[in-house]
Amino acid sequence: MGSAIGQTAGDGTGRTLAAAGGAVVGGIVGGMVEKELSKKQAQELTVDLDDGHTVVVVQETKDIGFVEGDRVSVTHTPSGEAHVAHAHYETDGVY
């Protein structure tokens, strides 16, 4: 798009330079727009596991907020990413 706008400026060498400059500016603006559109709300969670280890997970905010002391489950995707969710109670009170 920037290159197309640059094509309308001047003629000869000036037009070529304007088109090149327009392409660079278009690329920069396009990158900024893409970055803004791909931003997501995230949360960092520090989880104390039952086995005594601690893990820190940064994930997109989809779940209702967590508060200290919430019982959670930590799952892993095949690619190795971790996800934290509120734990679900069984009918006997066991997680």
Protein backbone atom coordinates (compact mmCIF):
# COMPACT_ATOMS: atom_id res chain seq x y z
CA MET A 1 0.00 0.00 0.00
CA GLY A 2 2.79 2.44 0.90
CA SER A 3 4.48 1.69 -2.40
CA ALA A 4 1.23 2.31 -4.29
CA ILE A 5 0.81 5.70 -2.63
CA GLY A 6 4.45 6.52 -3.36
CA GLN A 7 3.86 5.76 -7.05
CA THR A 8 1.55 8.76 -7.26
CA ALA A 9 4.28 11.22 -6.18
CA GLY A 10 6.49 12.90 -8.82
CA ASP A 11 7.88 11.20 -11.87
CA GLY A 12 11.11 9.44 -12.93
CA THR A 13 13.68 8.98 -10.14
CA GLY A 14 11.53 10.91 -7.67
CA ARG A 15 8.66 8.52 -8.25
CA THR A 16 10.95 5.50 -7.75
CA LEU A 17 12.32 6.93 -4.49
CA ALA A 18 8.84 7.83 -3.29
CA ALA A 19 7.61 4.32 -4.07
CA ALA A 20 10.57 2.77 -2.21
CA GLY A 21 10.07 5.10 0.75
CA GLY A 22 6.36 4.37 0.75
CA ALA A 23 7.06 0.64 0.80
CA VAL A 24 9.36 1.02 3.81
CA VAL A 25 6.87 3.19 5.69
CA GLY A 26 4.04 0.81 4.75
CA GLY A 27 6.05 -2.12 6.11
CA ILE A 28 6.75 -0.35 9.39
CA VAL A 29 3.14 0.74 9.85
CA GLY A 30 1.90 -2.73 8.89
CA GLY A 31 4.19 -4.30 11.48
CA MET A 32 2.92 -1.93 14.17
CA VAL A 33 -0.70 -2.69 13.29
CA GLU A 34 -0.07 -6.44 13.35
CA LYS A 35 1.62 -6.15 16.75
CA GLU A 36 -1.36 -4.24 18.18
CA LEU A 37 -3.86 -6.73 16.78
CA SER A 38 -1.99 -9.72 18.19
CA LYS A 39 -1.66 -8.34 21.74
CA LYS A 40 -3.34 -10.47 24.37
CA GLN A 41 -4.01 -10.04 28.06
CA ALA A 42 -1.76 -12.40 30.00
CA GLN A 43 -1.22 -13.42 33.57
CA GLU A 44 1.82 -14.79 35.38
CA LEU A 45 1.00 -17.48 37.92
CA THR A 46 3.35 -18.97 40.50
CA VAL A 47 2.07 -22.40 41.50
CA ASP A 48 3.26 -24.45 44.46
CA LEU A 49 2.85 -28.08 43.40
CA ASP A 50 1.83 -30.90 45.75
CA ASP A 51 5.28 -32.47 45.33
CA GLY A 52 6.98 -29.37 46.77
CA HIS A 53 8.18 -27.91 43.46
CA THR A 54 7.18 -24.46 42.24
CA VAL A 55 6.39 -23.56 38.64
CA VAL A 56 5.73 -20.19 37.02
CA VAL A 57 3.31 -20.12 34.09
CA VAL A 58 2.53 -17.16 31.83
CA GLN A 59 -0.69 -17.68 29.93
CA GLU A 60 -3.39 -15.78 28.11
CA THR A 61 -6.12 -14.55 30.46
CA LYS A 62 -9.17 -16.65 29.66
CA ASP A 63 -10.08 -18.14 33.00
CA ILE A 64 -11.69 -16.26 35.86
CA GLY A 65 -9.00 -14.64 37.98
CA PHE A 66 -6.99 -16.65 40.45
CA VAL A 67 -6.44 -15.72 44.08
CA GLU A 68 -3.79 -16.97 46.46
CA GLY A 69 -4.80 -20.35 47.86
CA ASP A 70 -6.94 -21.43 44.89
CA ARG A 71 -6.61 -25.12 44.11
CA VAL A 72 -5.51 -25.41 40.46
CA SER A 73 -4.45 -28.01 37.95
CA VAL A 74 -1.42 -27.63 35.70
CA THR A 75 -1.54 -29.41 32.36
CA HIS A 76 1.00 -29.60 29.56
CA THR A 77 0.40 -29.51 25.81
CA PRO A 78 2.27 -31.86 23.47
CA SER A 79 4.57 -28.93 22.61
CA GLY A 80 5.51 -28.58 26.29
CA GLU A 81 3.50 -25.46 27.13
CA ALA A 82 1.86 -25.42 30.55
CA HIS A 83 -1.68 -24.25 31.29
CA VAL A 84 -3.21 -23.47 34.68
CA ALA A 85 -6.94 -23.85 35.36
CA HIS A 86 -9.10 -23.99 38.45
CA ALA A 87 -9.22 -27.54 39.81
CA HIS A 88 -12.56 -29.33 39.66
CA TYR A 89 -13.88 -31.02 42.79
CA GLU A 90 -15.01 -34.61 42.67
CA THR A 91 -18.20 -35.46 44.53
CA ASP A 92 -16.18 -36.93 47.42
CA GLY A 93 -14.21 -33.67 47.88
CA VAL A 94 -11.02 -35.09 46.32
CA TYR A 95 -9.40 -33.15 43.51
